[in-house]
Structures are given as C-alpha cells and as structure tokens.
Amino acid sequence: MPLVTKLTTLLGIKHPIVQGGMHNVSYAELCAAVSNAGGLGTITALTQSSAEDLRKEIRKCKTLTDKPFGVNLTLLPALAPPDYDSYAKVVIEEKIPVVETAGNNPGKFIKMFKEAGIIVIHKCVAIRHALSAQKLGVDILSIDGFECAGHPGEDDVPNLILLARAAEELSIPFIASGGIGNGAQLAACLALGAEGVNMGTRFMATKECLIRDEIKQALVDGNELSTTHVFRTLKNTERVYKNEMALKVRKLEAEKPGDFNVVRPFVSGKLYAESFYKTGDLNSSVWSAGMVMGLIHDVPTCQELLERMVSDAEKIINGRLTKLIQPAKL
C-alpha cells in the first residue's frame, strides 16, 4: 500500500519523498532517476551558468522521464547576484510544475511562479520565516532542521522540535528536511505532522548521482560526527564535510572573525566541483554534507532507496506502532 499524503496528492507523485536542490549535484540524471522512482526530482537552477543552460538541462531531463520534476531556485546573498529573473522566466516557459525556492526575499518570485500556475515549495529554517512564506502564498513549506547539509540558519533548532512547532503554527502542508535518510525517519516525520520528506545528502550516495565514487564512499564511511560548521562568524552558517580544508577555514575564521576575504580562496564552488567530478579528493575543497552520513551505509539506485524507505516506514506504521495500542487492563 502506498503512503498517500497531501504532498503526493498535490504533486501527483507516488512516494512522499523530494530530492532537494543541491549546487553542483542536482543535474538531470539524478532528477529523472528520483522522479522515475516515484519521488520528486529537482534540478538546481544556479548550477547552470546561464538561464539558457538551465533550459537545456530541463529539456534533457524531459527526455529521461515523463514524471513530474521540479527546479530549485535559491536566492543567495551576493555582491553581484545572478540574473534570477531570467532563470525564473525559463522555468515558467518550460512549464515546470513545481519550484523549490529558498533564500532571502522570495516574494517577487513566489508571485511570478504562482501566477504561472506553478506549485511552490519554499524551504525555511525557522518558524518565523515559514509563517512569512505562508503569507506570501506558497503551497508547501520545507522545514529545514539544524541537522541539514548546507545552511541551517543561526537558531540551531533540530527537527524533533522544529517539525512539532511547524505542526502547531502552520496552516498549509509542510515536509521535513535535514538529516533524513531512512524509512524510520520518514515514519517519524509523518507522525510529527509532515506530509513527506526532502533529502539531499542521502541522494548524493546513489548510483545515478554523477559525483565521483570517492565522494560517495566518504558518505558511506562517515558518521553523524563527520561534519562541521563554517561561516559561523559571518552569520551564514554552513554544515560541511569535516575535512582538512574545512578545518583550515574554521581556523582562519577564528583568527579573523567575520572577514570573508580571509577564507574566500578556499571556499570556491569551482574547488568542490573539481573534487566531485575530476579528482575525487576529499580534502581539497569545502563541500556541503549532512549529519545523515551516520545513516548512509550503501550506494543504492534511487528506485531501491525509495522503495526501501517507504516499505520500512509502512512496516513501522502498521507493525510496531499499531501494536503499541492495546486495550487497557482492568
């Protein structure tokens, strides 16, 4: 029996599992594999160097799947921001059914996408941000806990609290994001009020992900202690794989807090793109990874991963949890 939630119904997907946008990772091949497996795959817009490159990647994905898939558009703090409008225009012109937005001041783009009939999932790291996005008219909120890879915000609230608070405060559907990688967690997130889950790091360790095997093996070999934070002093905290370069950046930050120029040469996206696709060197760059590494023990296909997660969640819901409810003894 499938798990039917507001997420699966609204998006027209089989399983309540979303592959979140990941810079330099979420390409057409992974996106299509997740969608073909019954989840919602996502292409990351800003991984593409231009809006027209995004169009090509979208069209490539359309040749690989006839299932719904989405595009992630993250609004990054930058001195010279990308041409977000051109990326958004391509998403609308290509009739993408779902967009995952994240970052600062998304109101303009949420309005654009909603007027085009696109379902908007907005990623938030705090309840106050989720309430603001709800007022802007998003359809689904992705609630991102402190365990997540990438940017968890500055409040450090883990999912066991954050999801329960979301259930208290929000009036629209939400999904859980951050630190999720197995069926037990899927069941737990549903119990906390979520309509599904969003996963990033776990999908990096799949057959269809294009990154090098050395990186995938590092995710398998790592555990829940294999990450660290950088950019704390910049108030732009990022959870990354704990390697030599990340520890160097932490040391430099400690010496000159709040000075991005000190660490800039060591945190370039070009560096970790080389690690991911050319060298497989685990230590030559700073790259995002989540605490879910403690739950990554293999590199399955996306189909195997999703089917296993849903099957395990169903067994827990129908088995262990159901058995806990027994008639009271007089």
Protein backbone atom coordinates (compact mmCIF):
# COMPACT_ATOMS: atom_id res chain seq x y z
CA MET A 1 0.00 0.00 0.00
CA PRO A 2 1.42 3.42 -0.93
CA LEU A 3 1.79 6.25 1.55
CA VAL A 4 -0.79 8.82 0.43
CA THR A 5 -0.26 12.32 1.80
CA LYS A 6 -1.13 15.88 0.82
CA LEU A 7 2.30 16.04 -0.84
CA THR A 8 1.76 13.01 -3.07
CA THR A 9 -1.75 14.16 -3.95
CA LEU A 10 -0.77 17.74 -4.75
CA LEU A 11 2.31 16.87 -6.79
CA GLY A 12 0.96 13.72 -8.45
CA ILE A 13 3.83 11.53 -7.23
CA LYS A 14 3.87 8.01 -5.83
CA HIS A 15 6.10 8.44 -2.76
CA PRO A 16 6.25 11.41 -0.34
CA ILE A 17 9.95 11.98 -0.94
CA VAL A 18 11.55 15.03 -2.57
CA GLN A 19 15.13 15.29 -3.78
CA GLY A 20 16.19 18.76 -2.72
CA GLY A 21 18.23 21.14 -4.82
CA MET A 22 21.99 20.75 -4.39
CA HIS A 23 24.53 23.00 -6.06
CA ASN A 24 26.79 21.10 -8.47
CA VAL A 25 24.87 17.88 -7.74
CA SER A 26 21.24 18.17 -8.87
CA TYR A 27 21.53 17.53 -12.58
CA ALA A 28 19.03 15.97 -14.99
CA GLU A 29 20.25 12.39 -14.48
CA LEU A 30 19.66 12.37 -10.72
CA CYS A 31 16.47 14.38 -11.01
CA ALA A 32 14.97 11.99 -13.55
CA ALA A 33 16.02 8.92 -11.57
CA VAL A 34 14.22 10.19 -8.46
CA SER A 35 11.10 11.07 -10.40
CA ASN A 36 11.11 7.74 -12.23
CA ALA A 37 11.37 6.04 -8.83
CA GLY A 38 8.18 7.75 -7.69
CA GLY A 39 9.54 10.76 -5.83
CA LEU A 40 10.02 14.34 -6.97
CA GLY A 41 13.38 15.01 -8.59
CA THR A 42 14.78 18.53 -8.69
CA ILE A 43 17.26 20.36 -10.92
CA THR A 44 19.26 23.16 -9.31
CA ALA A 45 18.96 26.29 -11.43
CA LEU A 46 22.10 28.09 -10.29
CA THR A 47 24.30 25.09 -11.00
CA GLN A 48 23.76 26.08 -14.62
CA SER A 49 25.92 29.02 -15.71
CA SER A 50 23.07 30.74 -17.55
CA ALA A 51 19.32 30.62 -17.94
CA GLU A 52 19.68 29.06 -21.38
CA ASP A 53 21.89 26.34 -19.92
CA LEU A 54 19.10 25.69 -17.42
CA ARG A 55 16.67 25.37 -20.34
CA LYS A 56 18.94 22.75 -21.92
CA GLU A 57 19.16 20.82 -18.64
CA ILE A 58 15.37 20.90 -18.23
CA ARG A 59 14.87 19.63 -21.76
CA LYS A 60 17.44 16.91 -21.18
CA CYS A 61 15.52 15.81 -18.09
CA LYS A 62 12.31 15.68 -20.11
CA THR A 63 13.94 13.10 -22.37
CA LEU A 64 14.78 10.97 -19.32
CA THR A 65 11.42 11.00 -17.52
CA ASP A 66 7.77 11.61 -18.20
CA LYS A 67 7.08 12.07 -14.49
CA PRO A 68 6.77 15.40 -12.65
CA PHE A 69 10.01 17.08 -11.64
CA GLY A 70 10.93 20.44 -10.20
CA VAL A 71 13.54 23.18 -10.29
CA ASN A 72 15.29 24.71 -7.27
CA LEU A 73 15.89 28.46 -7.30
CA THR A 74 17.92 29.62 -4.30
CA LEU A 75 18.26 33.35 -3.71
CA LEU A 76 21.81 33.79 -2.49
CA PRO A 77 23.35 36.73 -0.66
CA ALA A 78 25.90 38.08 -3.14
CA LEU A 79 27.55 41.35 -4.15
CA ALA A 80 26.78 40.53 -7.78
CA PRO A 81 23.68 38.32 -7.72
CA PRO A 82 22.78 36.05 -10.64
CA ASP A 83 20.08 37.11 -13.09
CA TYR A 84 17.31 35.38 -11.15
CA ASP A 85 14.61 36.81 -13.42
CA SER A 86 15.99 35.07 -16.48
CA TYR A 87 16.16 31.74 -14.65
CA ALA A 88 12.58 32.19 -13.41
CA LYS A 89 11.44 33.05 -16.94
CA VAL A 90 12.90 29.78 -18.28
CA VAL A 91 11.18 27.78 -15.52
CA ILE A 92 7.84 29.33 -16.49
CA GLU A 93 8.37 28.97 -20.24
CA GLU A 94 9.34 25.32 -19.85
CA LYS A 95 6.13 24.69 -17.87
CA ILE A 96 7.88 23.20 -14.84
CA PRO A 97 5.08 22.06 -12.46
CA VAL A 98 6.94 22.55 -9.16
CA VAL A 99 9.57 25.04 -7.96
CA GLU A 100 11.57 24.78 -4.74
CA THR A 101 12.55 28.26 -3.58
CA ALA A 102 14.98 29.11 -0.80
CA GLY A 103 16.91 32.08 0.50
CA ASN A 104 16.17 35.75 1.09
CA ASN A 105 13.20 37.84 -0.04
CA PRO A 106 11.43 35.25 -2.24
CA GLY A 107 8.16 37.23 -2.51
CA LYS A 108 8.67 38.50 -6.06
CA PHE A 109 9.45 35.05 -7.43
CA ILE A 110 6.75 33.28 -5.46
CA LYS A 111 4.26 35.69 -7.03
CA MET A 112 5.67 35.07 -10.51
CA PHE A 113 5.50 31.31 -10.14
CA LYS A 114 2.04 31.28 -8.59
CA GLU A 115 0.66 33.48 -11.40
CA ALA A 116 2.07 30.91 -13.85
CA GLY A 117 0.20 28.09 -12.06
CA ILE A 118 3.35 26.55 -10.60
CA ILE A 119 3.31 24.78 -7.22
CA VAL A 120 5.81 26.46 -4.90
CA ILE A 121 7.70 24.66 -2.13
CA HIS A 122 9.67 27.12 -0.01
CA LYS A 123 12.49 25.96 2.23
CA CYS A 124 12.70 27.57 5.70
CA VAL A 125 14.98 27.10 8.71
CA ALA A 126 12.79 28.92 11.24
CA ILE A 127 9.09 29.05 12.08
CA ARG A 128 9.02 32.84 11.73
CA HIS A 129 10.30 32.51 8.17
CA ALA A 130 7.77 29.78 7.44
CA LEU A 131 4.91 31.99 8.63
CA SER A 132 6.12 34.80 6.36
CA ALA A 133 6.32 32.45 3.37
CA GLN A 134 2.85 31.13 4.17
CA LYS A 135 1.52 34.70 3.96
CA LEU A 136 3.21 35.05 0.56
CA GLY A 137 1.09 32.18 -0.75
CA VAL A 138 3.44 29.23 -1.08
CA ASP A 139 1.77 25.83 -1.39
CA ILE A 140 4.13 23.73 0.73
CA LEU A 141 6.85 24.56 3.23
CA SER A 142 10.06 22.55 3.54
CA ILE A 143 11.13 22.82 7.16
CA ASP A 144 14.91 22.51 7.38
CA GLY A 145 16.34 21.40 10.72
CA PHE A 146 19.76 22.03 12.25
CA GLU A 147 20.92 18.56 11.11
CA CYS A 148 20.86 19.57 7.44
CA ALA A 149 23.69 19.96 4.99
CA GLY A 150 24.26 23.46 3.73
CA HIS A 151 22.71 26.40 5.54
CA PRO A 152 20.73 25.59 8.72
CA GLY A 153 20.30 29.22 9.78
CA GLU A 154 21.53 30.64 13.06
CA ASP A 155 18.94 29.33 15.54
CA ASP A 156 20.28 25.74 15.80
CA VAL A 157 16.86 24.11 16.25
CA PRO A 158 16.80 20.37 15.42
CA ASN A 159 13.94 18.69 13.60
CA LEU A 160 12.37 16.94 16.58
CA ILE A 161 11.43 20.39 17.89
CA LEU A 162 11.16 22.30 14.62
CA LEU A 163 8.67 19.92 13.00
CA ALA A 164 6.48 19.78 16.09
CA ARG A 165 6.44 23.58 16.18
CA ALA A 166 5.59 23.68 12.48
CA ALA A 167 2.59 21.43 13.14
CA GLU A 168 1.42 23.86 15.83
CA GLU A 169 1.86 27.05 13.82
CA LEU A 170 1.31 26.36 10.12
CA SER A 171 -1.97 26.04 8.26
CA ILE A 172 -0.51 24.73 4.97
CA PRO A 173 1.25 21.39 4.34
CA PHE A 174 4.92 21.07 5.22
CA ILE A 175 7.62 18.49 4.61
CA ALA A 176 10.66 17.66 6.72
CA SER A 177 14.20 18.37 5.57
CA GLY A 178 17.58 17.83 7.18
CA GLY A 179 19.26 14.67 8.42
CA ILE A 180 16.77 12.28 6.84
CA GLY A 181 17.84 9.06 5.14
CA ASN A 182 15.73 6.04 6.10
CA GLY A 183 12.19 4.72 6.47
CA ALA A 184 12.05 5.02 10.25
CA GLN A 185 12.71 8.74 9.92
CA LEU A 186 10.06 9.01 7.21
CA ALA A 187 7.53 7.44 9.58
CA ALA A 188 8.67 9.72 12.40
CA CYS A 189 8.31 12.84 10.25
CA LEU A 190 4.80 11.82 9.24
CA ALA A 191 3.99 11.30 12.92
CA LEU A 192 5.21 14.82 13.66
CA GLY A 193 2.81 16.28 11.11
CA ALA A 194 4.93 16.43 7.96
CA GLU A 195 3.42 15.35 4.63
CA GLY A 196 6.71 13.91 3.39
CA VAL A 197 10.46 14.43 3.45
CA ASN A 198 13.11 16.29 1.48
CA MET A 199 16.56 14.69 1.20
CA GLY A 200 19.83 15.98 -0.19
CA THR A 201 22.95 14.25 1.11
CA ARG A 202 21.29 10.82 1.00
CA PHE A 203 20.69 11.20 -2.72
CA MET A 204 24.37 12.02 -3.28
CA ALA A 205 25.12 8.42 -2.32
CA THR A 206 23.05 6.83 -5.10
CA LYS A 207 24.06 5.14 -8.33
CA GLU A 208 22.54 7.80 -10.56
CA CYS A 209 24.23 10.76 -8.89
CA LEU A 210 27.08 11.90 -11.14
CA ILE A 211 29.65 12.73 -8.44
CA ARG A 212 32.77 10.57 -8.17
CA ASP A 213 32.70 7.28 -6.28
CA GLU A 214 35.32 8.55 -3.82
CA ILE A 215 32.85 11.17 -2.57
CA LYS A 216 30.04 8.63 -2.33
CA GLN A 217 32.28 6.27 -0.37
CA ALA A 218 33.18 9.09 2.02
CA LEU A 219 29.47 9.50 2.77
CA VAL A 220 29.19 5.76 3.45
CA ASP A 221 32.33 5.72 5.60
CA GLY A 222 31.38 8.84 7.55
CA ASN A 223 29.09 9.06 10.55
CA GLU A 224 26.98 11.62 12.37
CA LEU A 225 30.17 13.28 13.66
CA SER A 226 31.73 13.72 10.21
CA THR A 227 30.51 17.27 9.59
CA THR A 228 31.42 20.69 10.90
CA HIS A 229 30.27 24.28 10.51
CA VAL A 230 31.93 27.10 8.64
CA PHE A 231 30.88 30.75 8.18
CA ARG A 232 29.60 30.97 11.77
CA THR A 233 31.27 34.36 12.24
CA LEU A 234 29.71 35.58 9.00
CA LYS A 235 26.22 34.66 10.26
CA ASN A 236 25.83 32.47 7.17
CA THR A 237 26.48 29.11 8.84
CA GLU A 238 27.04 26.15 6.53
CA ARG A 239 27.31 22.48 7.52
CA VAL A 240 30.06 20.80 5.53
CA TYR A 241 32.09 17.60 5.39
CA LYS A 242 34.77 17.67 8.08
CA ASN A 243 38.00 17.56 6.12
CA GLU A 244 41.37 19.33 6.07
CA MET A 245 40.11 22.31 4.09
CA ALA A 246 37.04 22.84 6.29
CA LEU A 247 39.19 22.78 9.42
CA LYS A 248 41.58 25.27 7.79
CA VAL A 249 38.65 27.61 7.08
CA ARG A 250 37.47 27.29 10.68
CA LYS A 251 40.96 28.20 11.91
CA LEU A 252 41.14 31.24 9.64
CA GLU A 253 37.68 32.34 10.76
CA ALA A 254 38.72 32.10 14.39
CA GLU A 255 41.75 34.28 13.69
CA LYS A 256 39.79 36.94 11.77
CA PRO A 257 36.09 36.59 12.64
CA GLY A 258 33.64 37.99 10.10
CA ASP A 259 36.24 38.59 7.37
CA PHE A 260 35.12 36.63 4.31
CA ASN A 261 38.12 37.72 2.27
CA VAL A 262 40.34 35.59 4.50
CA VAL A 263 38.52 32.38 3.60
CA ARG A 264 37.30 33.27 0.10
CA PRO A 265 40.14 31.48 -1.78
CA PHE A 266 39.33 28.19 -0.05
CA VAL A 267 35.54 28.02 -0.41
CA SER A 268 35.03 28.46 -4.13
CA GLY A 269 32.36 26.35 -5.77
CA LYS A 270 34.86 25.61 -8.52
CA LEU A 271 37.05 23.82 -6.00
CA TYR A 272 34.42 21.37 -4.86
CA ALA A 273 33.16 20.88 -8.41
CA GLU A 274 36.67 19.64 -9.19
CA SER A 275 36.58 17.35 -6.15
CA PHE A 276 33.18 15.97 -7.17
CA TYR A 277 33.83 15.41 -10.87
CA LYS A 278 37.57 15.40 -11.58
CA THR A 279 39.82 14.40 -8.70
CA GLY A 280 37.65 12.73 -6.06
CA ASP A 281 39.97 14.36 -3.49
CA LEU A 282 38.10 14.51 -0.17
CA ASN A 283 40.31 17.22 1.35
CA SER A 284 40.93 19.78 -1.39
CA SER A 285 37.67 21.74 -1.03
CA VAL A 286 34.83 22.65 1.30
CA TRP A 287 31.61 20.83 0.40
CA SER A 288 28.18 20.54 1.98
CA ALA A 289 27.20 17.31 3.71
CA GLY A 290 24.68 16.44 6.40
CA MET A 291 24.69 14.52 9.66
CA VAL A 292 22.66 11.86 7.85
CA MET A 293 26.02 10.31 6.95
CA GLY A 294 25.55 8.28 10.11
CA LEU A 295 22.64 6.54 8.38
CA ILE A 296 24.20 6.07 4.93
CA HIS A 297 25.52 2.52 4.64
CA ASP A 298 25.32 1.81 0.92
CA VAL A 299 25.01 3.31 -2.56
CA PRO A 300 21.71 2.04 -3.98
CA THR A 301 19.79 3.11 -7.05
CA CYS A 302 17.17 5.78 -6.42
CA GLN A 303 14.49 3.15 -7.06
CA GLU A 304 15.97 0.85 -4.42
CA LEU A 305 16.33 3.68 -1.92
CA LEU A 306 12.78 4.98 -2.24
CA GLU A 307 11.16 1.56 -2.22
CA ARG A 308 13.17 0.55 0.84
CA MET A 309 12.32 3.73 2.72
CA VAL A 310 8.61 3.51 2.03
CA SER A 311 8.49 -0.22 2.81
CA ASP A 312 10.30 0.31 6.12
CA ALA A 313 8.03 3.22 7.03
CA GLU A 314 4.93 1.16 6.29
CA LYS A 315 6.20 -1.72 8.44
CA ILE A 316 6.75 0.63 11.35
CA ILE A 317 3.38 2.33 10.98
CA ASN A 318 1.43 -0.92 10.54
CA GLY A 319 3.60 -3.03 12.81
CA ARG A 320 5.39 -1.65 15.82
CA LEU A 321 3.27 1.49 16.29
CA THR A 322 -0.03 -0.32 15.85
CA LYS A 323 1.00 -2.99 18.36
CA LEU A 324 1.66 -0.33 20.98
CA ILE A 325 -2.06 0.43 21.16
CA GLN A 326 -3.66 -2.23 23.32
CA PRO A 327 -6.83 -2.45 25.41
CA ALA A 328 -6.40 -1.20 28.94
CA LYS A 329 -6.08 -3.92 31.56
CA LEU A 330 -8.70 -3.70 34.28
